[in-house]
Amino acid sequence: MNIDIEKFRQLLSSFSTLSPENQDIILAKVLDLEVEQHIKQNPKHGKEHSNKHANSPLDKFYNFLMPFMENWEKMSPNRRAALAMLINEETQGEFTKEEYIDLIIQSRQISISEFIEKYIPGADLEEAKKIYRSLKT
């Protein structure tokens, strides 16, 4: 699993501000992308998806699958379940493989000195204090 922590933080922050309906839309899109990735990396075929092999079994399955995925929202739960079974079989169980991330969000108050040292590199704290005092008066 490859996770860019900054992208993950941004995604989590943005996702948490969305309405439940928009969160569902995002999750459906993630499912679409996950299915596409599983198909492209199908270990059964032992190679990455390639446009050079337009008639390969992997391409044929991908082309077969896409109209279903485009109509995912319109499909009944039973049809979605059947499609999930088919995808899982074609990916040799990779589709239903779950990876877990333990996420702990904590916050703490840091001093202004710690903040400046961490986020404003090169700042001279004593000089900044002098400027600060002159701004206050």
N, C-alpha and C. Protein backbone atom coordinates (compact mmCIF):
# COMPACT_ATOMS: atom_id res chain seq x y z
N MET A 1 0.85 -1.16 0.00
CA MET A 1 0.00 0.00 0.00
C MET A 1 0.90 1.23 0.00
N ASN A 2 0.57 2.18 -0.87
CA ASN A 2 1.35 3.40 -0.98
C ASN A 2 0.46 4.57 -0.61
N ILE A 3 0.78 5.24 0.49
CA ILE A 3 -0.05 6.36 0.94
C ILE A 3 0.81 7.60 1.10
N ASP A 4 0.43 8.65 0.41
CA ASP A 4 1.04 9.96 0.58
C ASP A 4 0.29 10.61 1.74
N ILE A 5 0.95 10.77 2.86
CA ILE A 5 0.29 11.24 4.08
C ILE A 5 -0.38 12.60 3.88
N GLU A 6 0.28 13.51 3.17
CA GLU A 6 -0.32 14.83 2.96
C GLU A 6 -1.59 14.74 2.12
N LYS A 7 -1.57 13.91 1.08
CA LYS A 7 -2.78 13.72 0.27
C LYS A 7 -3.87 13.08 1.11
N PHE A 8 -3.49 12.14 1.96
CA PHE A 8 -4.46 11.47 2.82
C PHE A 8 -5.09 12.47 3.78
N ARG A 9 -4.29 13.32 4.38
CA ARG A 9 -4.83 14.34 5.29
C ARG A 9 -5.79 15.27 4.57
N GLN A 10 -5.39 15.69 3.37
CA GLN A 10 -6.25 16.58 2.58
C GLN A 10 -7.56 15.89 2.23
N LEU A 11 -7.47 14.63 1.81
CA LEU A 11 -8.67 13.87 1.47
C LEU A 11 -9.58 13.72 2.69
N LEU A 12 -9.01 13.35 3.81
CA LEU A 12 -9.80 13.17 5.03
C LEU A 12 -10.45 14.47 5.45
N SER A 13 -9.71 15.55 5.39
CA SER A 13 -10.25 16.85 5.77
C SER A 13 -11.39 17.25 4.85
N SER A 14 -11.20 17.10 3.55
CA SER A 14 -12.25 17.46 2.59
C SER A 14 -13.46 16.55 2.73
N PHE A 15 -13.22 15.25 2.85
CA PHE A 15 -14.30 14.27 2.95
C PHE A 15 -15.18 14.56 4.17
N SER A 16 -14.56 14.94 5.28
CA SER A 16 -15.32 15.15 6.51
C SER A 16 -16.23 16.37 6.43
N THR A 17 -15.99 17.27 5.48
CA THR A 17 -16.84 18.45 5.36
C THR A 17 -18.04 18.21 4.44
N LEU A 18 -18.04 17.09 3.73
CA LEU A 18 -19.10 16.82 2.77
C LEU A 18 -20.37 16.29 3.44
N SER A 19 -21.48 16.51 2.79
CA SER A 19 -22.75 15.96 3.26
C SER A 19 -22.72 14.44 3.09
N PRO A 20 -23.56 13.71 3.81
CA PRO A 20 -23.60 12.25 3.64
C PRO A 20 -23.87 11.83 2.19
N GLU A 21 -24.69 12.59 1.49
CA GLU A 21 -24.98 12.26 0.09
C GLU A 21 -23.72 12.38 -0.77
N ASN A 22 -22.98 13.46 -0.59
CA ASN A 22 -21.74 13.65 -1.35
C ASN A 22 -20.66 12.66 -0.94
N GLN A 23 -20.65 12.27 0.32
CA GLN A 23 -19.72 11.22 0.75
C GLN A 23 -20.04 9.92 0.02
N ASP A 24 -21.32 9.62 -0.15
CA ASP A 24 -21.72 8.41 -0.88
C ASP A 24 -21.27 8.47 -2.34
N ILE A 25 -21.36 9.65 -2.94
CA ILE A 25 -20.91 9.82 -4.33
C ILE A 25 -19.41 9.57 -4.43
N ILE A 26 -18.66 10.11 -3.48
CA ILE A 26 -17.20 9.91 -3.46
C ILE A 26 -16.88 8.43 -3.28
N LEU A 27 -17.56 7.76 -2.37
CA LEU A 27 -17.30 6.34 -2.14
C LEU A 27 -17.64 5.50 -3.37
N ALA A 28 -18.70 5.87 -4.08
CA ALA A 28 -19.06 5.14 -5.31
C ALA A 28 -17.96 5.32 -6.35
N LYS A 29 -17.42 6.53 -6.46
CA LYS A 29 -16.34 6.78 -7.42
C LYS A 29 -15.09 6.01 -7.02
N VAL A 30 -14.81 5.95 -5.75
CA VAL A 30 -13.66 5.18 -5.26
C VAL A 30 -13.83 3.71 -5.63
N LEU A 31 -15.04 3.20 -5.48
CA LEU A 31 -15.32 1.82 -5.85
C LEU A 31 -15.05 1.61 -7.35
N ASP A 32 -15.51 2.55 -8.17
CA ASP A 32 -15.26 2.46 -9.61
C ASP A 32 -13.76 2.40 -9.89
N LEU A 33 -13.00 3.28 -9.26
CA LEU A 33 -11.55 3.31 -9.48
C LEU A 33 -10.89 2.04 -8.96
N GLU A 34 -11.37 1.54 -7.84
CA GLU A 34 -10.82 0.32 -7.28
C GLU A 34 -11.06 -0.87 -8.20
N VAL A 35 -12.27 -0.96 -8.73
CA VAL A 35 -12.59 -2.03 -9.67
C VAL A 35 -11.68 -1.94 -10.89
N GLU A 36 -11.55 -0.74 -11.42
CA GLU A 36 -10.71 -0.53 -12.60
C GLU A 36 -9.27 -0.95 -12.32
N GLN A 37 -8.76 -0.57 -11.16
CA GLN A 37 -7.39 -0.93 -10.81
C GLN A 37 -7.23 -2.43 -10.62
N HIS A 38 -8.20 -3.07 -9.98
CA HIS A 38 -8.14 -4.53 -9.79
C HIS A 38 -8.12 -5.25 -11.13
N ILE A 39 -8.93 -4.75 -12.04
CA ILE A 39 -8.98 -5.38 -13.36
C ILE A 39 -7.64 -5.21 -14.08
N LYS A 40 -7.08 -4.01 -13.99
CA LYS A 40 -5.81 -3.74 -14.68
C LYS A 40 -4.66 -4.57 -14.09
N GLN A 41 -4.74 -4.86 -12.82
CA GLN A 41 -3.65 -5.58 -12.15
C GLN A 41 -4.03 -7.02 -11.84
N ASN A 42 -4.95 -7.57 -12.59
CA ASN A 42 -5.44 -8.91 -12.32
C ASN A 42 -4.29 -9.92 -12.31
N PRO A 43 -4.02 -10.53 -11.16
CA PRO A 43 -2.90 -11.48 -11.08
C PRO A 43 -3.13 -12.74 -11.92
N LYS A 44 -4.38 -13.01 -12.26
CA LYS A 44 -4.69 -14.19 -13.07
C LYS A 44 -4.00 -14.12 -14.43
N HIS A 45 -3.82 -12.90 -14.94
CA HIS A 45 -3.20 -12.72 -16.24
C HIS A 45 -1.70 -12.42 -16.13
N GLY A 46 -1.24 -12.14 -14.91
CA GLY A 46 0.19 -11.98 -14.66
C GLY A 46 0.85 -10.83 -15.38
N LYS A 47 0.09 -9.80 -15.74
CA LYS A 47 0.71 -8.65 -16.39
C LYS A 47 -0.19 -7.44 -16.21
N GLU A 48 0.37 -6.28 -16.39
CA GLU A 48 -0.38 -5.04 -16.29
C GLU A 48 -1.27 -4.89 -17.52
N HIS A 49 -2.37 -4.22 -17.37
CA HIS A 49 -3.27 -3.91 -18.48
C HIS A 49 -2.51 -3.08 -19.50
N SER A 50 -2.71 -3.37 -20.76
CA SER A 50 -2.01 -2.63 -21.80
C SER A 50 -2.92 -2.43 -22.99
N ASN A 51 -2.88 -1.24 -23.55
CA ASN A 51 -3.68 -0.97 -24.75
C ASN A 51 -3.12 -1.69 -25.96
N LYS A 52 -1.89 -2.16 -25.88
CA LYS A 52 -1.27 -2.88 -26.99
C LYS A 52 -1.94 -4.23 -27.24
N HIS A 53 -2.59 -4.75 -26.22
CA HIS A 53 -3.22 -6.07 -26.31
C HIS A 53 -4.73 -5.91 -26.22
N ALA A 54 -5.29 -5.20 -27.18
CA ALA A 54 -6.70 -4.84 -27.13
C ALA A 54 -7.63 -6.04 -27.13
N ASN A 55 -7.17 -7.20 -27.57
CA ASN A 55 -8.03 -8.38 -27.61
C ASN A 55 -7.68 -9.39 -26.52
N SER A 56 -6.91 -8.97 -25.54
CA SER A 56 -6.55 -9.90 -24.47
C SER A 56 -7.79 -10.21 -23.61
N PRO A 57 -7.78 -11.32 -22.89
CA PRO A 57 -8.92 -11.65 -22.01
C PRO A 57 -9.18 -10.54 -20.99
N LEU A 58 -8.11 -9.92 -20.52
CA LEU A 58 -8.27 -8.84 -19.54
C LEU A 58 -9.01 -7.66 -20.15
N ASP A 59 -8.64 -7.28 -21.38
CA ASP A 59 -9.33 -6.19 -22.05
C ASP A 59 -10.78 -6.55 -22.32
N LYS A 60 -11.03 -7.77 -22.73
CA LYS A 60 -12.40 -8.19 -23.01
C LYS A 60 -13.25 -8.11 -21.75
N PHE A 61 -12.69 -8.55 -20.61
CA PHE A 61 -13.43 -8.49 -19.35
C PHE A 61 -13.67 -7.04 -18.95
N TYR A 62 -12.64 -6.21 -19.09
CA TYR A 62 -12.76 -4.80 -18.75
C TYR A 62 -13.85 -4.15 -19.61
N ASN A 63 -13.84 -4.40 -20.90
CA ASN A 63 -14.86 -3.83 -21.79
C ASN A 63 -16.25 -4.36 -21.47
N PHE A 64 -16.34 -5.62 -21.07
CA PHE A 64 -17.60 -6.22 -20.66
C PHE A 64 -18.12 -5.54 -19.38
N LEU A 65 -17.22 -5.24 -18.47
CA LEU A 65 -17.57 -4.74 -17.16
C LEU A 65 -17.97 -3.26 -17.15
N MET A 66 -17.36 -2.44 -17.98
CA MET A 66 -17.57 -1.00 -17.91
C MET A 66 -19.02 -0.56 -18.04
N PRO A 67 -19.83 -1.10 -18.94
CA PRO A 67 -21.23 -0.65 -18.98
C PRO A 67 -21.97 -0.91 -17.66
N PHE A 68 -21.61 -1.99 -17.00
CA PHE A 68 -22.24 -2.27 -15.70
C PHE A 68 -21.82 -1.22 -14.67
N MET A 69 -20.53 -0.89 -14.66
CA MET A 69 -20.04 0.07 -13.67
C MET A 69 -20.61 1.46 -13.93
N GLU A 70 -20.82 1.79 -15.19
CA GLU A 70 -21.40 3.09 -15.52
C GLU A 70 -22.84 3.20 -15.04
N ASN A 71 -23.51 2.06 -14.88
CA ASN A 71 -24.90 2.04 -14.43
C ASN A 71 -25.04 1.53 -13.00
N TRP A 72 -23.98 1.56 -12.25
CA TRP A 72 -23.95 1.03 -10.88
C TRP A 72 -25.08 1.61 -10.03
N GLU A 73 -25.28 2.92 -10.11
CA GLU A 73 -26.30 3.58 -9.28
C GLU A 73 -27.71 3.12 -9.65
N LYS A 74 -27.93 2.73 -10.89
CA LYS A 74 -29.26 2.32 -11.35
C LYS A 74 -29.54 0.85 -11.07
N MET A 75 -28.51 0.10 -10.72
CA MET A 75 -28.66 -1.35 -10.54
C MET A 75 -29.28 -1.67 -9.19
N SER A 76 -30.01 -2.77 -9.14
CA SER A 76 -30.58 -3.23 -7.88
C SER A 76 -29.45 -3.78 -7.01
N PRO A 77 -29.66 -3.83 -5.70
CA PRO A 77 -28.64 -4.39 -4.82
C PRO A 77 -28.24 -5.82 -5.21
N ASN A 78 -29.19 -6.62 -5.66
CA ASN A 78 -28.87 -8.00 -6.05
C ASN A 78 -27.96 -8.03 -7.27
N ARG A 79 -28.21 -7.16 -8.24
CA ARG A 79 -27.35 -7.11 -9.43
C ARG A 79 -25.96 -6.59 -9.05
N ARG A 80 -25.90 -5.62 -8.15
CA ARG A 80 -24.59 -5.13 -7.68
C ARG A 80 -23.83 -6.27 -7.00
N ALA A 81 -24.54 -7.02 -6.18
CA ALA A 81 -23.91 -8.14 -5.47
C ALA A 81 -23.39 -9.18 -6.46
N ALA A 82 -24.19 -9.48 -7.49
CA ALA A 82 -23.76 -10.46 -8.50
C ALA A 82 -22.54 -9.96 -9.25
N LEU A 83 -22.51 -8.66 -9.55
CA LEU A 83 -21.36 -8.09 -10.24
C LEU A 83 -20.12 -8.14 -9.34
N ALA A 84 -20.30 -7.86 -8.06
CA ALA A 84 -19.18 -7.95 -7.12
C ALA A 84 -18.64 -9.38 -7.07
N MET A 85 -19.53 -10.37 -7.09
CA MET A 85 -19.10 -11.78 -7.10
C MET A 85 -18.27 -12.08 -8.35
N LEU A 86 -18.73 -11.58 -9.49
CA LEU A 86 -18.01 -11.81 -10.75
C LEU A 86 -16.63 -11.16 -10.72
N ILE A 87 -16.58 -9.92 -10.25
CA ILE A 87 -15.30 -9.21 -10.18
C ILE A 87 -14.36 -9.93 -9.22
N ASN A 88 -14.89 -10.37 -8.09
CA ASN A 88 -14.06 -11.06 -7.11
C ASN A 88 -13.49 -12.35 -7.68
N GLU A 89 -14.31 -13.07 -8.42
CA GLU A 89 -13.84 -14.31 -9.04
C GLU A 89 -12.75 -14.02 -10.07
N GLU A 90 -12.97 -13.01 -10.90
CA GLU A 90 -12.01 -12.69 -11.95
C GLU A 90 -10.69 -12.15 -11.39
N THR A 91 -10.74 -11.56 -10.19
CA THR A 91 -9.51 -11.03 -9.58
C THR A 91 -8.93 -12.00 -8.54
N GLN A 92 -9.44 -13.20 -8.54
CA GLN A 92 -8.97 -14.25 -7.61
C GLN A 92 -8.99 -13.78 -6.16
N GLY A 93 -10.09 -13.14 -5.78
CA GLY A 93 -10.28 -12.72 -4.39
C GLY A 93 -9.66 -11.39 -4.03
N GLU A 94 -8.92 -10.78 -4.95
CA GLU A 94 -8.29 -9.50 -4.65
C GLU A 94 -9.32 -8.39 -4.44
N PHE A 95 -10.46 -8.48 -5.09
CA PHE A 95 -11.48 -7.44 -4.98
C PHE A 95 -11.99 -7.31 -3.56
N THR A 96 -12.10 -8.42 -2.85
CA THR A 96 -12.65 -8.38 -1.50
C THR A 96 -11.57 -8.34 -0.43
N LYS A 97 -10.34 -8.19 -0.85
CA LYS A 97 -9.25 -8.07 0.12
C LYS A 97 -9.34 -6.69 0.76
N GLU A 98 -9.29 -6.67 2.07
CA GLU A 98 -9.37 -5.41 2.80
C GLU A 98 -8.04 -5.10 3.45
N GLU A 99 -7.66 -3.85 3.37
CA GLU A 99 -6.47 -3.38 4.07
C GLU A 99 -6.95 -2.35 5.08
N TYR A 100 -6.33 -2.36 6.21
CA TYR A 100 -6.77 -1.49 7.28
C TYR A 100 -5.74 -0.42 7.57
N ILE A 101 -6.26 0.74 7.90
CA ILE A 101 -5.42 1.84 8.35
C ILE A 101 -5.96 2.24 9.71
N ASP A 102 -5.13 2.19 10.71
CA ASP A 102 -5.52 2.71 12.01
C ASP A 102 -5.20 4.19 12.01
N LEU A 103 -6.20 4.99 12.23
CA LEU A 103 -6.05 6.44 12.16
C LEU A 103 -6.36 7.04 13.52
N ILE A 104 -5.41 7.76 14.04
CA ILE A 104 -5.60 8.44 15.31
C ILE A 104 -5.37 9.92 15.05
N ILE A 105 -6.37 10.71 15.32
CA ILE A 105 -6.24 12.15 15.14
C ILE A 105 -6.16 12.76 16.53
N GLN A 106 -5.08 13.45 16.75
CA GLN A 106 -4.87 14.10 18.04
C GLN A 106 -4.53 15.56 17.80
N SER A 107 -4.78 16.36 18.79
CA SER A 107 -4.37 17.76 18.69
C SER A 107 -3.77 18.17 20.02
N ARG A 108 -2.93 19.15 19.93
CA ARG A 108 -2.33 19.70 21.15
C ARG A 108 -2.01 21.15 20.88
N GLN A 109 -1.99 21.92 21.92
CA GLN A 109 -1.63 23.32 21.81
C GLN A 109 -0.12 23.44 21.92
N ILE A 110 0.51 24.08 20.95
CA ILE A 110 1.95 24.30 21.03
C ILE A 110 2.19 25.78 21.29
N SER A 111 3.34 26.07 21.83
CA SER A 111 3.66 27.47 22.11
C SER A 111 3.94 28.19 20.80
N ILE A 112 3.85 29.52 20.86
CA ILE A 112 4.13 30.30 19.66
C ILE A 112 5.59 30.12 19.25
N SER A 113 6.47 29.90 20.21
CA SER A 113 7.88 29.66 19.88
C SER A 113 8.04 28.37 19.11
N GLU A 114 7.34 27.30 19.54
CA GLU A 114 7.39 26.03 18.82
C GLU A 114 6.80 26.18 17.41
N PHE A 115 5.71 26.93 17.33
CA PHE A 115 5.08 27.15 16.03
C PHE A 115 6.03 27.84 15.06
N ILE A 116 6.64 28.92 15.54
CA ILE A 116 7.56 29.67 14.68
C ILE A 116 8.74 28.80 14.27
N GLU A 117 9.30 28.07 15.21
CA GLU A 117 10.44 27.20 14.90
C GLU A 117 10.05 26.14 13.87
N LYS A 118 8.84 25.61 13.99
CA LYS A 118 8.41 24.53 13.11
C LYS A 118 7.94 25.02 11.74
N TYR A 119 7.19 26.11 11.71
CA TYR A 119 6.53 26.51 10.47
C TYR A 119 7.08 27.77 9.80
N ILE A 120 7.96 28.49 10.48
CA ILE A 120 8.55 29.68 9.88
C ILE A 120 10.07 29.59 10.02
N PRO A 121 10.66 28.69 9.25
CA PRO A 121 12.11 28.50 9.36
C PRO A 121 12.86 29.78 8.98
N GLY A 122 13.93 30.01 9.69
CA GLY A 122 14.75 31.18 9.41
C GLY A 122 14.34 32.42 10.19
N ALA A 123 13.21 32.34 10.90
CA ALA A 123 12.77 33.50 11.68
C ALA A 123 13.61 33.61 12.94
N ASP A 124 13.97 34.84 13.28
CA ASP A 124 14.70 35.13 14.51
C ASP A 124 13.65 35.49 15.56
N LEU A 125 13.47 34.64 16.54
CA LEU A 125 12.41 34.80 17.52
C LEU A 125 12.53 36.12 18.28
N GLU A 126 13.73 36.49 18.68
CA GLU A 126 13.92 37.74 19.43
C GLU A 126 13.58 38.96 18.57
N GLU A 127 14.00 38.93 17.32
CA GLU A 127 13.68 40.04 16.41
C GLU A 127 12.17 40.09 16.17
N ALA A 128 11.55 38.92 16.02
CA ALA A 128 10.10 38.87 15.82
C ALA A 128 9.37 39.44 17.04
N LYS A 129 9.89 39.18 18.23
CA LYS A 129 9.26 39.72 19.46
C LYS A 129 9.33 41.24 19.48
N LYS A 130 10.46 41.81 19.03
CA LYS A 130 10.59 43.27 18.97
C LYS A 130 9.57 43.87 18.00
N ILE A 131 9.44 43.24 16.84
CA ILE A 131 8.47 43.72 15.84
C ILE A 131 7.05 43.58 16.39
N TYR A 132 6.80 42.49 17.06
CA TYR A 132 5.48 42.24 17.65
C TYR A 132 5.13 43.33 18.65
N ARG A 133 6.09 43.67 19.53
CA ARG A 133 5.84 44.71 20.54
C ARG A 133 5.54 46.05 19.88
N SER A 134 6.26 46.33 18.78
CA SER A 134 6.01 47.63 18.11
C SER A 134 4.64 47.62 17.41
N LEU A 135 4.19 46.49 16.96
CA LEU A 135 2.88 46.40 16.33
C LEU A 135 1.76 46.59 17.36
N LYS A 136 1.98 46.14 18.57
CA LYS A 136 0.96 46.23 19.62
C LYS A 136 0.78 47.66 20.11
N THR A 137 1.81 48.48 19.98
CA THR A 137 1.71 49.84 20.53
C THR A 137 1.17 50.83 19.54
